Amino acid sequence: GFVAVPPPPPSLNSFTMSDGVPTFTFSTAAGYQYRVVYKSALSDANWLPVIAPPSYPPPDGWSATSTGTPMSLGDTNAVNQSQRFYRTEAAGP
């Protein structure tokens, strides 16, 4: 039988901070969806999606299916937050 191969983990190409807004640019594999999730503290129970319409539509924050080009996402809700922890997730076809 055929077993789906998981996508390669996204690698962070760049990180910038402007006026309190962190922006992440990361590599992608064609045919997969991506999102950035955050916690305000590592002790928080759940990772929550960073949502940036229209590229990453609500409600779950997953991107459109990637063509394999790098994607970027800025977290405008991070302004005036003391700290946030981030990770990037991928979902297969």
PDB file of N, CA and C in Angstrom:
ATOM      1  N   GLY A   1       0.819  -1.196   0.000  1.00  0.00           N
ATOM      2  CA  GLY A   1       0.000   0.000   0.000  1.00  0.00           C
ATOM      3  C   GLY A   1       0.854   1.247   0.000  1.00  0.00           C
ATOM      4  N   PHE A   2       0.223   2.320  -0.356  1.00  0.00           N
ATOM      5  CA  PHE A   2       0.897   3.614  -0.428  1.00  0.00           C
ATOM      6  C   PHE A   2       0.826   4.301   0.927  1.00  0.00           C
ATOM      7  N   VAL A   3       1.950   4.782   1.400  1.00  0.00           N
ATOM      8  CA  VAL A   3       1.997   5.529   2.652  1.00  0.00           C
ATOM      9  C   VAL A   3       2.384   6.967   2.331  1.00  0.00           C
ATOM     10  N   ALA A   4       1.566   7.913   2.781  1.00  0.00           N
ATOM     11  CA  ALA A   4       1.865   9.318   2.519  1.00  0.00           C
ATOM     12  C   ALA A   4       3.144   9.714   3.244  1.00  0.00           C
ATOM     13  N   VAL A   5       3.985  10.429   2.554  1.00  0.00           N
ATOM     14  CA  VAL A   5       5.237  10.897   3.150  1.00  0.00           C
ATOM     15  C   VAL A   5       4.978  12.248   3.800  1.00  0.00           C
ATOM     16  N   PRO A   6       5.375  12.401   5.051  1.00  0.00           N
ATOM     17  CA  PRO A   6       5.148  13.703   5.678  1.00  0.00           C
ATOM     18  C   PRO A   6       5.981  14.785   5.010  1.00  0.00           C
ATOM     19  N   PRO A   7       5.527  16.026   5.066  1.00  0.00           N
ATOM     20  CA  PRO A   7       6.292  17.094   4.425  1.00  0.00           C
ATOM     21  C   PRO A   7       7.587  17.343   5.180  1.00  0.00           C
ATOM     22  N   PRO A   8       8.586  17.860   4.488  1.00  0.00           N
ATOM     23  CA  PRO A   8       9.792  18.232   5.211  1.00  0.00           C
ATOM     24  C   PRO A   8       9.456  19.349   6.192  1.00  0.00           C
ATOM     25  N   PRO A   9      10.096  19.374   7.342  1.00  0.00           N
ATOM     26  CA  PRO A   9       9.777  20.437   8.292  1.00  0.00           C
ATOM     27  C   PRO A   9      10.126  21.797   7.701  1.00  0.00           C
ATOM     28  N   PRO A  10       9.257  22.772   7.886  1.00  0.00           N
ATOM     29  CA  PRO A  10       9.558  24.097   7.340  1.00  0.00           C
ATOM     30  C   PRO A  10      10.803  24.665   8.007  1.00  0.00           C
ATOM     31  N   SER A  11      11.676  25.268   7.219  1.00  0.00           N
ATOM     32  CA  SER A  11      12.841  25.912   7.809  1.00  0.00           C
ATOM     33  C   SER A  11      12.663  27.422   7.711  1.00  0.00           C
ATOM     34  N   LEU A  12      13.014  28.098   8.781  1.00  0.00           N
ATOM     35  CA  LEU A  12      12.861  29.547   8.845  1.00  0.00           C
ATOM     36  C   LEU A  12      13.911  30.195   7.963  1.00  0.00           C
ATOM     37  N   ASN A  13      13.457  30.924   6.940  1.00  0.00           N
ATOM     38  CA  ASN A  13      14.381  31.615   6.040  1.00  0.00           C
ATOM     39  C   ASN A  13      14.766  32.979   6.603  1.00  0.00           C
ATOM     40  N   SER A  14      13.789  33.663   7.221  1.00  0.00           N
ATOM     41  CA  SER A  14      14.098  34.958   7.809  1.00  0.00           C
ATOM     42  C   SER A  14      13.076  35.293   8.881  1.00  0.00           C
ATOM     43  N   PHE A  15      13.494  36.153   9.787  1.00  0.00           N
ATOM     44  CA  PHE A  15      12.632  36.659  10.842  1.00  0.00           C
ATOM     45  C   PHE A  15      12.911  38.148  10.957  1.00  0.00           C
ATOM     46  N   THR A  16      11.857  38.954  10.895  1.00  0.00           N
ATOM     47  CA  THR A  16      12.033  40.392  11.057  1.00  0.00           C
ATOM     48  C   THR A  16      11.049  40.892  12.107  1.00  0.00           C
ATOM     49  N   MET A  17      11.392  42.039  12.715  1.00  0.00           N
ATOM     50  CA  MET A  17      10.521  42.663  13.704  1.00  0.00           C
ATOM     51  C   MET A  17      10.401  44.131  13.332  1.00  0.00           C
ATOM     52  N   SER A  18       9.167  44.591  13.140  1.00  0.00           N
ATOM     53  CA  SER A  18       8.942  45.985  12.782  1.00  0.00           C
ATOM     54  C   SER A  18       7.744  46.506  13.554  1.00  0.00           C
ATOM     55  N   ASP A  19       7.933  47.542  14.341  1.00  0.00           N
ATOM     56  CA  ASP A  19       6.852  48.131  15.150  1.00  0.00           C
ATOM     57  C   ASP A  19       6.150  47.084  15.993  1.00  0.00           C
ATOM     58  N   GLY A  20       6.912  46.146  16.548  1.00  0.00           N
ATOM     59  CA  GLY A  20       6.342  45.128  17.427  1.00  0.00           C
ATOM     60  C   GLY A  20       5.694  43.959  16.720  1.00  0.00           C
ATOM     61  N   VAL A  21       5.757  43.925  15.380  1.00  0.00           N
ATOM     62  CA  VAL A  21       5.144  42.839  14.605  1.00  0.00           C
ATOM     63  C   VAL A  21       6.228  41.893  14.106  1.00  0.00           C
ATOM     64  N   PRO A  22       6.281  40.647  14.629  1.00  0.00           N
ATOM     65  CA  PRO A  22       7.238  39.674  14.093  1.00  0.00           C
ATOM     66  C   PRO A  22       6.712  39.091  12.779  1.00  0.00           C
ATOM     67  N   THR A  23       7.592  38.974  11.793  1.00  0.00           N
ATOM     68  CA  THR A  23       7.228  38.385  10.508  1.00  0.00           C
ATOM     69  C   THR A  23       8.181  37.233  10.223  1.00  0.00           C
ATOM     70  N   PHE A  24       7.594  36.084   9.907  1.00  0.00           N
ATOM     71  CA  PHE A  24       8.340  34.861   9.640  1.00  0.00           C
ATOM     72  C   PHE A  24       8.242  34.529   8.159  1.00  0.00           C
ATOM     73  N   THR A  25       9.365  34.200   7.536  1.00  0.00           N
ATOM     74  CA  THR A  25       9.369  33.697   6.166  1.00  0.00           C
ATOM     75  C   THR A  25      10.021  32.322   6.217  1.00  0.00           C
ATOM     76  N   PHE A  26       9.335  31.326   5.648  1.00  0.00           N
ATOM     77  CA  PHE A  26       9.812  29.951   5.770  1.00  0.00           C
ATOM     78  C   PHE A  26       9.620  29.175   4.473  1.00  0.00           C
ATOM     79  N   SER A  27      10.459  28.136   4.310  1.00  0.00           N
ATOM     80  CA  SER A  27      10.392  27.295   3.125  1.00  0.00           C
ATOM     81  C   SER A  27       9.155  26.408   3.182  1.00  0.00           C
ATOM     82  N   THR A  28       8.697  25.988   2.012  1.00  0.00           N
ATOM     83  CA  THR A  28       7.532  25.096   1.944  1.00  0.00           C
ATOM     84  C   THR A  28       7.778  24.013   0.894  1.00  0.00           C
ATOM     85  N   ALA A  29       6.962  22.966   0.944  1.00  0.00           N
ATOM     86  CA  ALA A  29       6.959  21.919  -0.079  1.00  0.00           C
ATOM     87  C   ALA A  29       5.633  21.999  -0.825  1.00  0.00           C
ATOM     88  N   ALA A  30       5.669  21.839  -2.124  1.00  0.00           N
ATOM     89  CA  ALA A  30       4.458  21.926  -2.936  1.00  0.00           C
ATOM     90  C   ALA A  30       3.429  20.895  -2.488  1.00  0.00           C
ATOM     91  N   GLY A  31       2.168  21.301  -2.449  1.00  0.00           N
ATOM     92  CA  GLY A  31       1.072  20.393  -2.142  1.00  0.00           C
ATOM     93  C   GLY A  31       0.695  20.324  -0.677  1.00  0.00           C
ATOM     94  N   TYR A  32       1.405  21.053   0.185  1.00  0.00           N
ATOM     95  CA  TYR A  32       1.113  21.044   1.617  1.00  0.00           C
ATOM     96  C   TYR A  32       0.574  22.399   2.066  1.00  0.00           C
ATOM     97  N   GLN A  33      -0.098  22.393   3.206  1.00  0.00           N
ATOM     98  CA  GLN A  33      -0.574  23.629   3.821  1.00  0.00           C
ATOM     99  C   GLN A  33       0.264  23.913   5.055  1.00  0.00           C
ATOM    100  N   TYR A  34       0.372  25.187   5.405  1.00  0.00           N
ATOM    101  CA  TYR A  34       1.221  25.606   6.519  1.00  0.00           C
ATOM    102  C   TYR A  34       0.488  26.594   7.416  1.00  0.00           C
ATOM    103  N   ARG A  35       0.946  26.676   8.658  1.00  0.00           N
ATOM    104  CA  ARG A  35       0.486  27.724   9.554  1.00  0.00           C
ATOM    105  C   ARG A  35       1.532  27.950  10.632  1.00  0.00           C
ATOM    106  N   VAL A  36       1.448  29.118  11.250  1.00  0.00           N
ATOM    107  CA  VAL A  36       2.292  29.456  12.386  1.00  0.00           C
ATOM    108  C   VAL A  36       1.379  29.470  13.600  1.00  0.00           C
ATOM    109  N   VAL A  37       1.820  28.841  14.678  1.00  0.00           N
ATOM    110  CA  VAL A  37       1.038  28.807  15.918  1.00  0.00           C
ATOM    111  C   VAL A  37       1.881  29.415  17.038  1.00  0.00           C
ATOM    112  N   TYR A  38       1.195  29.851  18.105  1.00  0.00           N
ATOM    113  CA  TYR A  38       1.910  30.516  19.194  1.00  0.00           C
ATOM    114  C   TYR A  38       1.341  30.119  20.551  1.00  0.00           C
ATOM    115  N   LYS A  39       2.154  30.348  21.572  1.00  0.00           N
ATOM    116  CA  LYS A  39       1.744  30.291  22.975  1.00  0.00           C
ATOM    117  C   LYS A  39       2.260  31.562  23.632  1.00  0.00           C
ATOM    118  N   SER A  40       1.511  32.089  24.585  1.00  0.00           N
ATOM    119  CA  SER A  40       1.998  33.250  25.335  1.00  0.00           C
ATOM    120  C   SER A  40       2.984  32.819  26.411  1.00  0.00           C
ATOM    121  N   ALA A  41       2.839  31.586  26.874  1.00  0.00           N
ATOM    122  CA  ALA A  41       3.773  31.014  27.851  1.00  0.00           C
ATOM    123  C   ALA A  41       3.923  29.536  27.529  1.00  0.00           C
ATOM    124  N   LEU A  42       5.084  28.987  27.754  1.00  0.00           N
ATOM    125  CA  LEU A  42       5.295  27.573  27.419  1.00  0.00           C
ATOM    126  C   LEU A  42       4.413  26.658  28.254  1.00  0.00           C
ATOM    127  N   SER A  43       3.913  27.165  29.389  1.00  0.00           N
ATOM    128  CA  SER A  43       3.027  26.352  30.224  1.00  0.00           C
ATOM    129  C   SER A  43       1.591  26.338  29.724  1.00  0.00           C
ATOM    130  N   ASP A  44       1.252  27.184  28.737  1.00  0.00           N
ATOM    131  CA  ASP A  44      -0.110  27.175  28.182  1.00  0.00           C
ATOM    132  C   ASP A  44      -0.418  25.798  27.599  1.00  0.00           C
ATOM    133  N   ALA A  45      -1.676  25.385  27.732  1.00  0.00           N
ATOM    134  CA  ALA A  45      -2.058  24.043  27.285  1.00  0.00           C
ATOM    135  C   ALA A  45      -2.044  23.901  25.763  1.00  0.00           C
ATOM    136  N   ASN A  46      -2.507  24.906  25.036  1.00  0.00           N
ATOM    137  CA  ASN A  46      -2.705  24.760  23.596  1.00  0.00           C
ATOM    138  C   ASN A  46      -1.900  25.781  22.801  1.00  0.00           C
ATOM    139  N   TRP A  47      -1.430  25.328  21.634  1.00  0.00           N
ATOM    140  CA  TRP A  47      -0.878  26.246  20.647  1.00  0.00           C
ATOM    141  C   TRP A  47      -2.059  26.825  19.879  1.00  0.00           C
ATOM    142  N   LEU A  48      -2.065  28.128  19.637  1.00  0.00           N
ATOM    143  CA  LEU A  48      -3.155  28.801  18.930  1.00  0.00           C
ATOM    144  C   LEU A  48      -2.646  29.307  17.590  1.00  0.00           C
ATOM    145  N   PRO A  49      -3.500  29.270  16.545  1.00  0.00           N
ATOM    146  CA  PRO A  49      -3.020  29.709  15.231  1.00  0.00           C
ATOM    147  C   PRO A  49      -2.874  31.226  15.150  1.00  0.00           C
ATOM    148  N   VAL A  50      -1.796  31.661  14.512  1.00  0.00           N
ATOM    149  CA  VAL A  50      -1.661  33.051  14.103  1.00  0.00           C
ATOM    150  C   VAL A  50      -2.426  33.157  12.790  1.00  0.00           C
ATOM    151  N   ILE A  51      -3.398  34.035  12.725  1.00  0.00           N
ATOM    152  CA  ILE A  51      -4.240  34.124  11.527  1.00  0.00           C
ATOM    153  C   ILE A  51      -4.006  35.463  10.853  1.00  0.00           C
ATOM    154  N   ALA A  52      -3.694  35.433   9.565  1.00  0.00           N
ATOM    155  CA  ALA A  52      -3.444  36.644   8.789  1.00  0.00           C
ATOM    156  C   ALA A  52      -4.169  36.545   7.452  1.00  0.00           C
ATOM    157  N   PRO A  53      -5.476  36.898   7.417  1.00  0.00           N
ATOM    158  CA  PRO A  53      -6.200  36.865   6.153  1.00  0.00           C
ATOM    159  C   PRO A  53      -5.567  37.849   5.160  1.00  0.00           C
ATOM    160  N   PRO A  54      -5.661  37.632   3.861  1.00  0.00           N
ATOM    161  CA  PRO A  54      -6.392  36.528   3.232  1.00  0.00           C
ATOM    162  C   PRO A  54      -5.532  35.297   2.959  1.00  0.00           C
ATOM    163  N   SER A  55      -4.208  35.406   3.097  1.00  0.00           N
ATOM    164  CA  SER A  55      -3.349  34.264   2.760  1.00  0.00           C
ATOM    165  C   SER A  55      -3.570  33.077   3.688  1.00  0.00           C
ATOM    166  N   TYR A  56      -3.895  33.368   4.963  1.00  0.00           N
ATOM    167  CA  TYR A  56      -4.122  32.326   5.964  1.00  0.00           C
ATOM    168  C   TYR A  56      -5.529  32.544   6.520  1.00  0.00           C
ATOM    169  N   PRO A  57      -6.543  31.955   5.886  1.00  0.00           N
ATOM    170  CA  PRO A  57      -7.922  32.297   6.258  1.00  0.00           C
ATOM    171  C   PRO A  57      -8.350  31.701   7.591  1.00  0.00           C
ATOM    172  N   PRO A  58      -9.282  32.373   8.298  1.00  0.00           N
ATOM    173  CA  PRO A  58      -9.881  31.804   9.501  1.00  0.00           C
ATOM    174  C   PRO A  58     -10.658  30.554   9.128  1.00  0.00           C
ATOM    175  N   PRO A  59     -11.060  29.722  10.072  1.00  0.00           N
ATOM    176  CA  PRO A  59     -10.861  29.888  11.503  1.00  0.00           C
ATOM    177  C   PRO A  59      -9.607  29.198  12.033  1.00  0.00           C
ATOM    178  N   ASP A  60      -8.960  28.362  11.247  1.00  0.00           N
ATOM    179  CA  ASP A  60      -7.874  27.560  11.817  1.00  0.00           C
ATOM    180  C   ASP A  60      -6.484  28.038  11.433  1.00  0.00           C
ATOM    181  N   GLY A  61      -6.380  29.027  10.581  1.00  0.00           N
ATOM    182  CA  GLY A  61      -5.097  29.618  10.252  1.00  0.00           C
ATOM    183  C   GLY A  61      -4.242  28.887   9.243  1.00  0.00           C
ATOM    184  N   TRP A  62      -4.776  27.842   8.576  1.00  0.00           N
ATOM    185  CA  TRP A  62      -3.985  27.125   7.575  1.00  0.00           C
ATOM    186  C   TRP A  62      -3.919  27.937   6.298  1.00  0.00           C
ATOM    187  N   SER A  63      -2.780  27.892   5.642  1.00  0.00           N
ATOM    188  CA  SER A  63      -2.605  28.598   4.377  1.00  0.00           C
ATOM    189  C   SER A  63      -3.331  27.856   3.260  1.00  0.00           C
ATOM    190  N   ALA A  64      -3.358  28.504   2.106  1.00  0.00           N
ATOM    191  CA  ALA A  64      -3.751  27.795   0.889  1.00  0.00           C
ATOM    192  C   ALA A  64      -2.668  26.754   0.599  1.00  0.00           C
ATOM    193  N   THR A  65      -2.957  25.816  -0.278  1.00  0.00           N
ATOM    194  CA  THR A  65      -1.967  24.794  -0.629  1.00  0.00           C
ATOM    195  C   THR A  65      -0.762  25.450  -1.280  1.00  0.00           C
ATOM    196  N   SER A  66       0.406  25.090  -0.810  1.00  0.00           N
ATOM    197  CA  SER A  66       1.638  25.716  -1.273  1.00  0.00           C
ATOM    198  C   SER A  66       2.022  25.237  -2.664  1.00  0.00           C
ATOM    199  N   THR A  67       2.661  26.138  -3.410  1.00  0.00           N
ATOM    200  CA  THR A  67       3.243  25.774  -4.698  1.00  0.00           C
ATOM    201  C   THR A  67       4.718  25.439  -4.540  1.00  0.00           C
ATOM    202  N   GLY A  68       5.231  25.537  -3.308  1.00  0.00           N
ATOM    203  CA  GLY A  68       6.629  25.239  -3.058  1.00  0.00           C
ATOM    204  C   GLY A  68       7.492  26.478  -2.898  1.00  0.00           C
ATOM    205  N   THR A  69       6.897  27.654  -3.074  1.00  0.00           N
ATOM    206  CA  THR A  69       7.654  28.887  -2.867  1.00  0.00           C
ATOM    207  C   THR A  69       7.589  29.268  -1.384  1.00  0.00           C
ATOM    208  N   PRO A  70       8.545  30.042  -0.887  1.00  0.00           N
ATOM    209  CA  PRO A  70       8.512  30.443   0.522  1.00  0.00           C
ATOM    210  C   PRO A  70       7.246  31.231   0.855  1.00  0.00           C
ATOM    211  N   MET A  71       6.788  31.106   2.101  1.00  0.00           N
ATOM    212  CA  MET A  71       5.614  31.832   2.585  1.00  0.00           C
ATOM    213  C   MET A  71       6.039  32.761   3.705  1.00  0.00           C
ATOM    214  N   SER A  72       5.269  33.835   3.895  1.00  0.00           N
ATOM    215  CA  SER A  72       5.511  34.770   4.987  1.00  0.00           C
ATOM    216  C   SER A  72       4.240  34.969   5.791  1.00  0.00           C
ATOM    217  N   LEU A  73       4.412  35.222   7.080  1.00  0.00           N
ATOM    218  CA  LEU A  73       3.274  35.488   7.963  1.00  0.00           C
ATOM    219  C   LEU A  73       3.721  36.428   9.066  1.00  0.00           C
ATOM    220  N   GLY A  74       2.979  37.516   9.244  1.00  0.00           N
ATOM    221  CA  GLY A  74       3.245  38.465  10.322  1.00  0.00           C
ATOM    222  C   GLY A  74       2.181  38.350  11.397  1.00  0.00           C
ATOM    223  N   ASP A  75       2.590  38.448  12.660  1.00  0.00           N
ATOM    224  CA  ASP A  75       1.655  38.347  13.792  1.00  0.00           C
ATOM    225  C   ASP A  75       1.368  39.748  14.339  1.00  0.00           C
ATOM    226  N   THR A  76       0.352  40.401  13.769  1.00  0.00           N
ATOM    227  CA  THR A  76       0.014  41.762  14.203  1.00  0.00           C
ATOM    228  C   THR A  76      -0.546  41.785  15.622  1.00  0.00           C
ATOM    229  N   ASN A  77      -1.037  40.648  16.117  1.00  0.00           N
ATOM    230  CA  ASN A  77      -1.562  40.595  17.483  1.00  0.00           C
ATOM    231  C   ASN A  77      -0.463  40.540  18.538  1.00  0.00           C
ATOM    232  N   ALA A  78       0.784  40.441  18.119  1.00  0.00           N
ATOM    233  CA  ALA A  78       1.883  40.356  19.082  1.00  0.00           C
ATOM    234  C   ALA A  78       2.272  41.724  19.652  1.00  0.00           C
ATOM    235  N   VAL A  79       1.763  42.801  19.031  1.00  0.00           N
ATOM    236  CA  VAL A  79       2.115  44.147  19.501  1.00  0.00           C
ATOM    237  C   VAL A  79       1.685  44.302  20.961  1.00  0.00           C
ATOM    238  N   ASN A  80       2.599  44.819  21.767  1.00  0.00           N
ATOM    239  CA  ASN A  80       2.368  45.062  23.202  1.00  0.00           C
ATOM    240  C   ASN A  80       2.220  43.789  24.034  1.00  0.00           C
ATOM    241  N   GLN A  81       2.549  42.621  23.487  1.00  0.00           N
ATOM    242  CA  GLN A  81       2.565  41.388  24.264  1.00  0.00           C
ATOM    243  C   GLN A  81       3.967  41.215  24.852  1.00  0.00           C
ATOM    244  N   SER A  82       4.036  40.732  26.074  1.00  0.00           N
ATOM    245  CA  SER A  82       5.346  40.624  26.716  1.00  0.00           C
ATOM    246  C   SER A  82       6.223  39.563  26.059  1.00  0.00           C
ATOM    247  N   GLN A  83       5.647  38.424  25.700  1.00  0.00           N
ATOM    248  CA  GLN A  83       6.419  37.389  25.008  1.00  0.00           C
ATOM    249  C   GLN A  83       5.455  36.441  24.309  1.00  0.00           C
ATOM    250  N   ARG A  84       5.937  35.833  23.248  1.00  0.00           N
ATOM    251  CA  ARG A  84       5.190  34.781  22.558  1.00  0.00           C
ATOM    252  C   ARG A  84       6.198  33.769  22.052  1.00  0.00           C
ATOM    253  N   PHE A  85       5.783  32.503  22.042  1.00  0.00           N
ATOM    254  CA  PHE A  85       6.601  31.415  21.512  1.00  0.00           C
ATOM    255  C   PHE A  85       5.915  30.918  20.247  1.00  0.00           C
ATOM    256  N   TYR A  86       6.699  30.616  19.200  1.00  0.00           N
ATOM    257  CA  TYR A  86       6.127  30.256  17.902  1.00  0.00           C
ATOM    258  C   TYR A  86       6.668  28.923  17.413  1.00  0.00           C
ATOM    259  N   ARG A  87       5.872  28.279  16.570  1.00  0.00           N
ATOM    260  CA  ARG A  87       6.358  27.142  15.782  1.00  0.00           C
ATOM    261  C   ARG A  87       5.560  27.124  14.479  1.00  0.00           C
ATOM    262  N   THR A  88       6.119  26.464  13.466  1.00  0.00           N
ATOM    263  CA  THR A  88       5.470  26.337  12.176  1.00  0.00           C
ATOM    264  C   THR A  88       4.986  24.903  12.017  1.00  0.00           C
ATOM    265  N   GLU A  89       3.783  24.745  11.464  1.00  0.00           N
ATOM    266  CA  GLU A  89       3.216  23.406  11.256  1.00  0.00           C
ATOM    267  C   GLU A  89       2.891  23.204   9.783  1.00  0.00           C
ATOM    268  N   ALA A  90       2.926  21.936   9.362  1.00  0.00           N
ATOM    269  CA  ALA A  90       2.585  21.576   7.986  1.00  0.00           C
ATOM    270  C   ALA A  90       1.554  20.462   8.002  1.00  0.00           C
ATOM    271  N   ALA A  91       0.662  20.463   7.012  1.00  0.00           N
ATOM    272  CA  ALA A  91      -0.353  19.420   6.875  1.00  0.00           C
ATOM    273  C   ALA A  91      -0.298  18.890   5.446  1.00  0.00           C
ATOM    274  N   GLY A  92      -0.347  17.581   5.328  1.00  0.00           N
ATOM    275  CA  GLY A  92      -0.206  16.950   4.027  1.00  0.00           C
ATOM    276  C   GLY A  92      -1.501  16.862   3.236  1.00  0.00           C
ATOM    277  N   PRO A  93      -1.373  16.551   1.970  1.00  0.00           N
ATOM    278  CA  PRO A  93      -2.549  16.413   1.108  1.00  0.00           C
ATOM    279  C   PRO A  93      -3.337  15.150   1.415  1.00  0.00           C
TER     280      PRO A  93
END
